[in-house]
Protein backbone atom coordinates (compact mmCIF):
# COMPACT_ATOMS: atom_id res chain seq x y z
CA MET A 1 -26.58 -6.76 -11.48
CA ALA A 2 -27.26 -3.37 -13.18
CA TRP A 3 -28.70 -1.89 -10.08
CA LEU A 4 -25.73 -2.92 -8.15
CA GLU A 5 -23.56 -1.23 -10.67
CA ALA A 6 -25.67 2.01 -10.54
CA ILE A 7 -25.33 2.14 -6.62
CA VAL A 8 -21.67 1.50 -6.63
CA SER A 9 -21.09 4.12 -9.45
CA TRP A 10 -23.24 6.64 -7.62
CA GLY A 11 -21.34 5.97 -4.45
CA ASN A 12 -17.90 6.53 -6.29
CA ASN A 13 -19.03 9.67 -7.91
CA ILE A 14 -20.02 11.42 -4.68
CA LEU A 15 -16.94 10.06 -2.76
CA TRP A 16 -14.21 10.69 -5.24
CA THR A 17 -15.64 13.84 -6.97
CA TYR A 18 -16.75 15.67 -3.75
CA VAL A 19 -15.16 14.25 -0.75
CA LEU A 20 -12.08 12.04 -0.90
CA ILE A 21 -9.73 13.96 -3.35
CA ALA A 22 -10.20 17.14 -1.20
CA MET A 23 -9.49 15.44 1.94
CA LEU A 24 -6.40 13.64 0.63
CA ILE A 25 -4.80 16.89 -0.59
CA ILE A 26 -5.83 19.31 2.16
CA LEU A 27 -5.06 16.80 4.98
CA GLY A 28 -1.71 15.61 3.29
CA LEU A 29 -0.68 19.42 3.11
CA TYR A 30 -1.87 19.78 6.66
CA PHE A 31 0.23 16.78 7.96
CA SER A 32 3.32 17.98 5.85
CA ILE A 33 3.39 21.40 7.29
CA ARG A 34 2.84 20.21 10.99
CA THR A 35 5.59 17.85 10.56
CA LYS A 36 7.82 20.37 8.73
CA PHE A 37 7.72 18.13 5.52
CA VAL A 38 8.97 14.96 7.41
CA GLN A 39 8.66 13.13 4.15
CA PHE A 40 11.61 15.20 2.65
CA ARG A 41 13.74 16.23 5.40
CA LEU A 42 14.28 13.02 7.26
CA ILE A 43 14.78 10.56 3.86
CA GLY A 44 18.30 9.93 5.38
CA ASP A 45 16.97 8.50 8.72
CA MET A 46 14.50 6.20 6.65
CA VAL A 47 17.15 4.54 4.84
CA LYS A 48 19.45 3.97 7.86
CA LEU A 49 16.29 2.70 9.84
CA LEU A 50 15.87 -0.12 7.16
CA GLY A 51 19.26 -1.34 7.90
CA GLU A 52 18.67 -1.24 11.52
CA GLY A 53 15.44 -3.14 11.02
CA ALA A 54 17.23 -5.78 9.09
CA THR A 55 19.81 -6.25 11.78
CA ALA A 56 17.24 -6.46 14.39
CA SER A 57 15.22 -9.36 12.48
CA GLY A 58 18.23 -11.56 13.93
CA ASP A 59 17.52 -10.61 17.68
CA LYS A 60 15.63 -13.63 18.85
CA LYS A 61 14.79 -11.68 22.24
CA LYS A 62 12.51 -9.12 20.57
CA LYS A 63 8.93 -10.02 19.91
CA GLY A 64 7.07 -9.11 16.81
CA VAL A 65 8.76 -8.79 13.24
CA SER A 66 11.57 -6.65 12.39
CA SER A 67 11.09 -3.04 10.94
CA PHE A 68 12.41 -4.43 7.55
CA GLN A 69 9.75 -7.17 7.64
CA ALA A 70 7.07 -4.77 8.62
CA PHE A 71 8.29 -2.50 5.52
CA SER A 72 8.25 -5.74 3.28
CA ILE A 73 4.69 -6.62 4.26
CA SER A 74 3.25 -3.16 3.73
CA THR A 75 5.22 -2.94 0.48
CA ALA A 76 4.08 -6.32 -0.58
CA SER A 77 0.45 -4.95 -0.19
CA ARG A 78 1.25 -1.73 -1.99
CA VAL A 79 3.15 -3.23 -4.80
CA GLY A 80 0.77 -5.14 -6.83
CA THR A 81 -1.42 -4.73 -9.87
CA GLY A 82 -1.74 -1.10 -9.06
CA ASN A 83 1.85 -0.72 -10.24
CA LEU A 84 1.45 -2.46 -13.50
CA ALA A 85 -2.19 -2.59 -14.48
CA GLY A 86 -3.45 0.33 -12.37
CA VAL A 87 -0.80 2.69 -13.90
CA ALA A 88 -1.77 1.54 -17.22
CA LEU A 89 -5.35 1.96 -16.61
CA ALA A 90 -4.68 5.58 -15.26
CA ILE A 91 -2.91 6.42 -18.41
CA SER A 92 -5.38 4.99 -20.83
CA LEU A 93 -8.31 6.87 -19.11
CA GLY A 94 -6.61 10.21 -17.90
CA GLY A 95 -3.65 10.38 -20.39
CA PRO A 96 -0.02 10.96 -19.28
CA GLY A 97 -1.01 13.78 -17.07
CA ALA A 98 -2.47 11.08 -14.67
CA VAL A 99 1.05 10.19 -13.73
CA PHE A 100 1.71 13.84 -12.46
CA TRP A 101 -1.23 13.35 -9.99
CA MET A 102 -0.03 10.03 -8.91
CA TRP A 103 3.32 11.59 -7.92
CA LEU A 104 1.58 14.51 -6.27
CA ILE A 105 -0.71 12.39 -4.10
CA ALA A 106 2.35 10.33 -3.18
CA LEU A 107 4.59 13.25 -2.22
CA ILE A 108 1.89 14.88 -0.17
CA GLY A 109 0.34 11.57 1.12
CA ALA A 110 3.62 10.49 2.48
CA ALA A 111 3.03 12.68 5.64
CA SER A 112 -0.30 11.12 6.28
CA ALA A 113 1.46 7.69 5.94
CA PHE A 114 4.01 8.68 8.57
CA VAL A 115 1.22 10.08 11.09
CA GLU A 116 -1.00 6.85 10.65
CA SER A 117 1.81 4.44 10.98
CA THR A 118 3.25 6.14 14.00
CA LEU A 119 -0.20 6.24 15.73
CA ALA A 120 -0.39 2.35 14.95
CA GLN A 121 2.89 1.79 16.69
CA ILE A 122 1.72 3.90 19.71
CA TYR A 123 -1.39 2.01 20.28
CA LYS A 124 -0.40 -1.51 19.26
CA VAL A 125 -1.21 -4.43 21.38
CA LYS A 126 0.33 -7.90 22.19
CA ASP A 127 -0.73 -11.01 20.59
CA ASP A 128 0.56 -14.52 20.27
CA PHE A 129 3.11 -13.61 17.47
CA GLY A 130 4.38 -10.32 18.94
CA PHE A 131 2.43 -7.24 18.24
CA ARG A 132 -0.70 -6.20 16.12
CA GLY A 133 -2.55 -2.77 15.65
CA GLY A 134 -3.77 -0.40 13.20
CA PRO A 135 -6.47 2.29 12.65
CA ALA A 136 -9.24 0.18 14.39
CA TYR A 137 -6.91 -0.05 17.56
CA TYR A 138 -6.10 3.73 17.71
CA MET A 139 -9.72 4.70 17.07
CA GLU A 140 -10.61 2.69 20.13
CA LYS A 141 -7.62 3.37 22.27
CA GLY A 142 -6.84 6.74 21.25
CA LEU A 143 -10.36 8.24 20.37
CA ASN A 144 -12.18 5.98 22.73
CA LYS A 145 -14.49 5.11 19.90
CA ARG A 146 -14.75 1.31 19.59
CA TRP A 147 -17.63 1.63 17.25
CA MET A 148 -15.55 3.57 14.84
CA GLY A 149 -12.81 0.92 15.05
CA ILE A 150 -15.39 -1.82 14.36
CA LEU A 151 -16.64 -0.04 11.23
CA PHE A 152 -13.18 0.50 9.98
CA ALA A 153 -12.01 -3.24 10.77
CA ILE A 154 -15.27 -4.52 8.76
CA LEU A 155 -14.40 -2.28 5.79
CA ILE A 156 -10.69 -3.17 5.50
CA THR A 157 -11.37 -6.89 6.02
CA PHE A 158 -13.87 -6.79 3.24
CA THR A 159 -11.90 -4.48 0.94
CA PHE A 160 -8.42 -5.96 1.23
CA GLY A 161 -9.00 -9.72 2.30
CA LEU A 162 -11.78 -10.24 -0.25
CA VAL A 163 -12.31 -7.59 -3.12
CA PHE A 164 -8.65 -6.55 -3.64
CA ASN A 165 -7.48 -10.19 -3.61
CA ALA A 166 -10.03 -11.04 -6.24
CA VAL A 167 -8.73 -7.93 -8.46
CA GLN A 168 -5.09 -9.23 -7.87
CA THR A 169 -5.61 -12.85 -8.87
CA ASN A 170 -7.86 -11.87 -11.73
CA THR A 171 -4.90 -9.87 -13.14
CA ILE A 172 -2.55 -12.81 -12.59
CA SER A 173 -4.74 -15.23 -14.24
CA LEU A 174 -5.32 -13.07 -17.23
CA ALA A 175 -1.63 -12.27 -17.84
CA PHE A 176 -0.82 -16.13 -17.63
CA GLU A 177 -3.51 -16.90 -19.99
CA ASN A 178 -2.37 -14.43 -22.55
CA SER A 179 1.33 -15.50 -22.20
CA PHE A 180 1.12 -19.13 -21.61
CA GLY A 181 -2.40 -20.17 -22.56
CA ILE A 182 -2.74 -21.66 -19.00
CA ASP A 183 -6.42 -22.43 -18.36
CA ARG A 184 -7.78 -19.97 -15.79
CA TYR A 185 -9.54 -22.85 -13.65
CA VAL A 186 -6.23 -24.84 -13.52
CA PHE A 187 -4.20 -21.69 -12.58
CA GLY A 188 -6.92 -20.63 -9.97
CA ILE A 189 -6.56 -24.00 -8.30
CA VAL A 190 -2.84 -23.75 -8.05
CA ILE A 191 -2.78 -20.20 -6.80
CA SER A 192 -5.47 -21.02 -4.23
CA ILE A 193 -3.43 -23.90 -2.80
CA ILE A 194 -0.27 -21.83 -2.53
CA THR A 195 -2.19 -19.10 -0.72
CA ALA A 196 -3.78 -21.57 1.60
CA ILE A 197 -0.41 -22.95 2.61
CA ILE A 198 1.03 -19.42 3.48
CA ILE A 199 -1.98 -17.69 5.05
CA PHE A 200 -2.57 -20.78 7.28
CA GLY A 201 0.94 -20.50 8.58
CA GLY A 202 0.53 -17.16 10.35
CA ILE A 203 2.05 -13.76 10.45
CA LYS A 204 5.72 -15.20 10.82
CA ARG A 205 5.48 -17.06 7.58
CA ILE A 206 3.64 -14.11 5.73
CA ALA A 207 6.61 -11.95 6.85
CA ARG A 208 9.24 -14.25 5.63
CA VAL A 209 7.61 -14.78 2.37
CA ALA A 210 7.08 -10.92 2.09
CA GLU A 211 10.74 -10.50 2.94
CA ALA A 212 12.00 -12.69 0.32
CA ILE A 213 9.68 -11.71 -2.66
CA VAL A 214 9.48 -7.89 -2.37
CA PRO A 215 13.07 -6.89 -2.55
CA VAL A 216 13.76 -9.42 -5.35
CA MET A 217 10.72 -8.38 -7.44
CA ALA A 218 11.27 -4.67 -7.03
CA VAL A 219 15.01 -4.75 -8.08
CA LEU A 220 14.39 -6.78 -11.09
CA TYR A 221 11.59 -4.80 -12.23
CA LEU A 222 13.49 -1.36 -11.68
CA LEU A 223 16.54 -2.76 -13.35
CA LEU A 224 14.41 -3.65 -16.51
CA ALA A 225 12.82 -0.07 -16.21
CA LEU A 226 16.32 1.53 -15.96
CA TYR A 227 17.65 -0.35 -19.20
CA ILE A 228 14.70 0.99 -21.09
CA ILE A 229 15.10 4.50 -19.87
CA VAL A 230 18.78 4.62 -20.49
CA VAL A 231 18.28 3.21 -24.02
CA ASN A 232 15.61 6.05 -24.62
CA ILE A 233 17.47 8.74 -22.24
CA SER A 234 17.32 11.52 -24.94
CA GLU A 235 13.50 11.18 -24.81
CA ILE A 236 12.89 11.48 -20.99
CA PRO A 237 12.86 15.33 -20.81
CA SER A 238 9.96 15.37 -23.53
CA VAL A 239 8.14 12.39 -21.53
CA ILE A 240 8.28 14.66 -18.27
CA GLN A 241 7.17 17.69 -20.16
CA LEU A 242 4.24 15.74 -21.65
CA ILE A 243 3.28 14.43 -18.18
CA VAL A 244 3.38 17.95 -16.71
CA SER A 245 1.55 19.82 -19.63
CA SER A 246 -1.22 16.91 -19.89
CA ALA A 247 -1.80 17.16 -16.08
CA PHE A 248 -3.09 20.75 -16.36
CA GLY A 249 -5.11 20.12 -19.56
CA LEU A 250 -2.53 22.16 -21.58
CA GLU A 251 -2.03 19.32 -24.21
CA GLU A 252 -4.99 16.78 -25.07
CA ALA A 253 -4.12 13.31 -24.21
CA ILE A 254 -6.12 10.25 -24.46
CA GLY A 255 -9.06 10.44 -22.17
CA GLY A 256 -8.47 14.28 -22.26
CA GLY A 257 -8.27 17.31 -19.78
CA ILE A 258 -7.40 18.07 -16.38
CA GLY A 259 -10.51 16.28 -14.78
CA ALA A 260 -9.84 12.87 -16.21
CA ALA A 261 -6.09 13.12 -15.52
CA LEU A 262 -6.55 14.31 -11.91
CA MET A 263 -9.34 11.73 -11.15
CA ASN A 264 -7.72 8.63 -12.55
CA GLY A 265 -4.18 9.65 -11.17
CA ILE A 266 -5.22 10.05 -7.66
CA LYS A 267 -7.57 7.21 -7.68
CA ARG A 268 -5.00 4.65 -8.98
CA GLY A 269 -2.38 6.45 -6.98
CA LEU A 270 -4.20 5.84 -3.84
CA PHE A 271 -5.07 2.14 -4.94
CA SER A 272 -1.20 1.65 -5.34
CA ASN A 273 0.47 3.60 -2.41
CA GLU A 274 -2.34 3.50 0.13
CA ALA A 275 -1.19 6.77 1.89
CA GLY A 276 -3.84 7.83 4.39
CA MET A 277 -6.08 4.79 3.52
CA GLY A 278 -5.31 3.05 6.93
CA SER A 279 -3.96 -0.26 5.49
CA ALA A 280 -0.21 -0.13 5.93
CA PRO A 281 -0.49 0.93 9.61
CA ASN A 282 -1.57 -2.70 10.24
CA ALA A 283 1.74 -3.79 9.00
CA ALA A 284 3.52 -0.93 10.80
CA ALA A 285 2.08 -2.15 14.22
CA THR A 286 3.68 -5.57 13.86
CA ALA A 287 7.49 -4.17 14.11
CA SER A 288 9.48 -4.46 17.09
CA VAL A 289 11.15 -1.01 17.39
CA SER A 290 12.52 1.08 20.22
CA HIS A 291 10.40 4.18 19.12
CA PRO A 292 7.14 4.40 17.01
CA ALA A 293 8.54 7.33 14.87
CA LYS A 294 11.04 4.88 13.42
CA GLN A 295 8.32 2.73 11.79
CA GLY A 296 6.42 5.92 10.85
CA LEU A 297 9.47 6.91 8.86
CA ILE A 298 9.88 3.50 7.27
CA GLN A 299 6.23 3.30 6.09
CA THR A 300 6.95 6.89 4.58
CA LEU A 301 9.76 5.47 2.52
CA SER A 302 7.47 2.55 1.32
CA VAL A 303 5.10 5.12 -0.27
CA PHE A 304 8.02 6.47 -2.31
CA THR A 305 9.17 3.09 -3.16
CA ASP A 306 5.74 2.26 -4.58
CA THR A 307 4.85 5.43 -6.41
CA ILE A 308 7.94 7.29 -7.13
CA LEU A 309 10.03 4.42 -7.96
CA ILE A 310 7.83 1.41 -9.29
CA CYS A 311 4.79 3.28 -10.63
CA SER A 312 7.06 5.85 -12.30
CA ALA A 313 8.97 3.11 -13.95
CA THR A 314 5.72 1.47 -15.47
CA ALA A 315 4.40 4.97 -16.48
CA PHE A 316 7.68 5.78 -18.36
CA MET A 317 7.90 2.62 -20.32
CA ILE A 318 4.25 2.88 -21.41
CA ILE A 319 4.65 6.61 -22.58
CA LEU A 320 7.85 6.01 -24.13
CA SER A 321 6.44 3.09 -26.33
CA GLY A 322 3.53 5.20 -27.51
CA VAL A 323 1.09 2.37 -27.19
CA TYR A 324 -1.11 4.16 -24.78
CA GLN A 325 -2.78 6.05 -27.70
CA GLY A 326 -4.28 2.60 -28.81
CA SER A 327 -7.20 0.62 -27.48
CA SER A 328 -5.48 -1.58 -24.77
CA ASP A 329 -5.65 -0.88 -21.20
CA GLY A 330 -4.79 -2.46 -17.91
CA ILE A 331 -2.31 -5.35 -17.89
CA GLN A 332 -2.43 -5.77 -21.68
CA LEU A 333 -1.19 -2.17 -22.31
CA THR A 334 1.67 -2.86 -19.98
CA GLN A 335 2.41 -5.96 -21.86
CA ASP A 336 2.17 -4.12 -25.27
CA ALA A 337 4.58 -1.47 -24.12
CA LEU A 338 7.19 -3.80 -22.94
CA THR A 339 6.89 -5.87 -26.29
CA THR A 340 7.47 -2.53 -28.19
CA HIS A 341 10.67 -2.00 -26.26
CA VAL A 342 12.27 -5.46 -25.73
CA GLY A 343 10.45 -7.95 -28.06
CA ASP A 344 7.65 -10.58 -27.92
CA TRP A 345 9.18 -12.23 -24.97
CA ALA A 346 8.12 -9.14 -22.78
CA GLY A 347 4.60 -10.73 -22.38
CA ILE A 348 6.24 -13.77 -20.61
CA LEU A 349 8.38 -11.32 -18.42
CA ILE A 350 5.34 -9.31 -17.45
CA SER A 351 3.46 -12.36 -16.46
CA VAL A 352 6.21 -13.41 -14.09
CA PHE A 353 6.38 -9.80 -12.59
CA ILE A 354 2.73 -9.45 -12.25
CA PHE A 355 2.46 -12.83 -10.57
CA LEU A 356 5.41 -11.81 -7.91
CA PHE A 357 3.73 -8.39 -7.47
CA ALA A 358 0.11 -9.40 -7.20
CA PHE A 359 0.76 -12.55 -5.15
CA SER A 360 2.82 -10.62 -2.59
CA SER A 361 -0.33 -8.21 -2.45
CA VAL A 362 -2.67 -11.30 -1.77
CA VAL A 363 -0.40 -12.26 1.17
CA GLY A 364 -0.12 -8.74 2.67
CA ASN A 365 -3.80 -8.09 2.11
CA TYR A 366 -4.73 -11.30 3.85
CA TYR A 367 -3.05 -10.17 6.96
CA TYR A 368 -4.81 -6.79 7.12
CA GLY A 369 -8.14 -8.70 7.30
CA GLU A 370 -6.87 -11.21 9.88
CA THR A 371 -5.68 -8.41 12.36
CA ASN A 372 -8.71 -6.40 12.15
CA LEU A 373 -10.97 -9.65 12.77
CA GLU A 374 -8.82 -10.14 15.82
CA PHE A 375 -9.97 -6.57 17.08
CA ILE A 376 -13.74 -7.35 16.52
CA LYS A 377 -13.44 -10.56 18.27
CA PRO A 378 -10.09 -11.85 19.81
CA ASP A 379 -9.09 -15.32 19.72
CA ASN A 380 -12.14 -16.37 17.75
CA LYS A 381 -10.61 -19.47 15.82
CA SER A 382 -13.94 -20.13 14.08
CA LEU A 383 -14.11 -16.54 12.69
CA ILE A 384 -10.49 -16.72 11.45
CA LEU A 385 -11.01 -20.14 9.76
CA ILE A 386 -14.12 -18.71 7.88
CA TYR A 387 -12.15 -15.73 6.91
CA ARG A 388 -9.16 -17.88 5.70
CA LEU A 389 -11.43 -19.95 3.48
CA ALA A 390 -13.33 -16.96 2.16
CA VAL A 391 -9.89 -15.53 1.15
CA VAL A 392 -8.94 -18.72 -0.82
CA GLY A 393 -12.34 -18.74 -2.34
CA MET A 394 -12.15 -15.20 -3.50
CA VAL A 395 -8.52 -15.92 -4.82
CA MET A 396 -10.20 -18.86 -6.80
CA PHE A 397 -13.14 -16.53 -7.95
CA GLY A 398 -10.88 -13.86 -8.97
CA SER A 399 -8.75 -16.19 -11.16
CA ILE A 400 -11.71 -17.29 -13.25
CA ALA A 401 -14.46 -14.63 -13.13
CA LYS A 402 -15.04 -11.58 -15.33
CA ILE A 403 -15.11 -8.99 -12.48
CA SER A 404 -15.17 -5.56 -13.99
CA ILE A 405 -17.51 -4.34 -11.05
CA VAL A 406 -14.83 -5.39 -8.66
CA TRP A 407 -12.65 -2.38 -9.66
CA SER A 408 -15.44 -0.17 -8.85
CA LEU A 409 -16.27 -1.89 -5.72
CA ALA A 410 -12.74 -1.82 -4.77
CA ASP A 411 -12.72 2.07 -5.41
CA LEU A 412 -15.88 2.53 -3.34
CA PHE A 413 -14.70 0.54 -0.21
CA MET A 414 -11.20 2.11 -0.43
CA ALA A 415 -12.70 5.62 -0.44
CA LEU A 416 -14.89 4.56 2.55
CA MET A 417 -11.85 3.27 4.36
CA ALA A 418 -9.79 6.24 3.73
CA VAL A 419 -12.57 8.83 4.77
CA VAL A 420 -12.88 6.97 8.09
CA ASN A 421 -9.12 6.70 8.79
CA LEU A 422 -8.37 10.34 7.72
CA ILE A 423 -10.91 11.83 10.12
CA ALA A 424 -9.33 9.70 12.97
CA ILE A 425 -5.80 10.56 12.18
CA THR A 426 -6.79 14.13 11.85
CA MET A 427 -8.21 13.95 15.53
CA LEU A 428 -5.03 12.13 16.71
CA GLY A 429 -2.46 13.97 14.83
CA LYS A 430 -1.10 15.90 17.63
CA ILE A 431 0.04 12.70 19.32
CA ALA A 432 2.04 11.56 16.29
CA PHE A 433 3.52 15.24 16.10
CA ALA A 434 4.55 15.11 19.84
CA ALA A 435 6.30 11.51 18.97
CA LEU A 436 8.09 12.96 16.21
CA LYS A 437 9.31 15.86 18.26
CA ASP A 438 10.34 13.22 21.05
CA TYR A 439 12.28 11.15 18.46
CA LEU A 440 14.23 14.28 17.04
CA ASP A 441 14.89 15.65 20.62
CA GLN A 442 16.63 12.29 21.39
CA LYS A 443 18.62 12.17 18.24
CA ARG A 444 19.73 15.65 18.72
CA ALA A 445 20.93 14.60 22.28
CA GLY A 446 22.94 11.75 20.77
CA LYS A 447 20.77 8.84 21.75
CA ASN A 448 19.14 6.05 20.12
CA PRO A 449 15.55 7.18 20.43
CA VAL A 450 13.55 5.09 23.14
CA PHE A 451 9.69 5.88 23.59
CA ASN A 452 8.41 6.50 26.94
CA PRO A 453 4.59 7.41 26.48
CA ARG A 454 4.75 9.56 29.69
CA THR A 455 6.97 11.93 28.05
CA ILE A 456 4.32 12.90 25.78
CA GLY A 457 1.49 12.65 28.45
CA LEU A 458 0.03 9.24 27.24
CA LYS A 459 -1.07 6.48 29.69
CA ASN A 460 -3.20 4.02 27.77
CA THR A 461 -0.40 2.54 25.60
CA GLU A 462 -0.17 -0.89 27.16
CA VAL A 463 2.79 -2.18 25.15
CA TRP A 464 5.37 0.73 25.57
CA ASP A 465 6.21 0.85 29.19
CA GLU A 466 7.60 -2.74 28.93
CA VAL A 467 9.14 -2.18 25.42
CA SER A 468 11.05 0.95 26.60
CA LYS A 469 12.55 -0.91 29.53
CA ASP A 470 13.62 -3.79 27.25
CA TYR A 471 15.41 -1.48 24.74
CA SER A 472 16.75 0.57 27.54
CA THR A 473 18.43 -2.41 29.45
CA ASP A 474 19.85 -3.68 26.08
CA LYS A 475 21.99 -0.32 25.67
C-alpha cells in the first residue's frame, strides 16, 4: 500500500501545487469579469428564483424536478463532512488563515459555478424521470468531444459515487462511535440498508429526500452557530482579524504560514463547495426551468450557502473555542469546539448533524454517478445495478475501515475532475455569457425569461425547442 500512497501523494503535489489552484483563481476571475460579477449583482434574483422553484414543484405538467429540488440535491452533495470535518482539518493544518482562502475560492468560484450549471441546463437531455445532463453532456454536445465526456463521466462516478461516499460514511460512523459507543459494523449495516432503499428508488425519491433534509439541517446548524456567535459577539472582530492576518502569514498559526493556509483552505474549500469541479451541474440539469440562466443563478447561491454560511459557522465556532491549537483534527476538533461552547452534550449534537450532513451527501453523490453512467451507456440496467451495489458496498466499507488514504484519493480525483471540467467550460464560456445576456435582456423588457436557443445561435440543444413552447403557452 506504500507504493499507492506515494503515487497519490506525487499526483496531488503536482496538481494542487502547480496546476489546479492557479486554474481555479485565474478562471474564476475570468468568469467573474466576463459576467460582470454575476455572483454579486444578481443575488436578489437568486433568492427570488428559489421561491419560483418551490412553487413550480407543484406543477404536475412539468417534467424533471423543481429548481428548488435541484438546488437541494446539489446543496445536499456540497453540504457534508467538508463543512464540519473538512473545515476543522483545514484549520488544524493551515491555521485560521485557511478560512480566508476558503472564502476567496467561494466568492471567485461562484462565477465558475454559474457558467457550468448554465451550460448543463442548455445541453441537458430527456430521460424517463425528466431531464439529465452535466459536464459529460456539454463536452459531447457543445465541444463535440465524446471521449472527453466519457473521461469525465468515469472520473466523477469513481470520485463521488465511491470514494467520496466512503469518506462521508467513515466520518458518520466515527462520530457515532465516539458519542454513543455504537459498533461501526452494526452502524455500517444500518446505513447501508437506508442508502439502498433510497438509491433504488430513483431520482424522484432522491429529490424528495434531499428537499426534506437539506433545509432542516442547514437551519438547525446555523441557529446553533448564531447562538454561539451572539454569545461571543465581542470577540468576532478579533476572530476576523486573526483569519485575515494568518492568511498572509503575518501571524503564525498552527501549521504556519501562507503556503499551508492557502493550500488547505482552497483544497478543503473546493471539497466542500465544488465550484468549478463539475459535480453540481449534474443536479442543475435535472431542473425544469424556463431559462438555463435561472438554474445557473440558483447553483451560484448554493456555493454561498455552503461556504460563506455553513463553513464559516463551523470555522467561527472552532476559532472562538481556541481548541484548534491542540492535537485534535477532523470531526473530533469540531466536537471538541462545540463541547467547549455548550457542554458535553455537544458531541451527541454534532453526531446528529454529521449524520444529516454526510448522509445527504451520500444521496447526492450517488445521483452524480448514475447520471454519468447513463451517459456512457444509456439504459443499461445491469451497469446501474452493479453501480448501486458498489455504492452500498463502499458505504459499508467506509463505515468500518481506517481509510486515511481515501482523503488523499478524493483530493487526487477531485483535482482531475476539476481540471477536465475547467478546460471545457473555458472553451464553452461564451455560450453561458450569451445565455446570461439573453436572460437579462428579457428581464429588462418586463418578461419572464424563456430560452430559445436560436436567439444565441444554438441548434444542437434537443430539449429547449419543446421546453420554450411549453412555457410560452403557459403564460
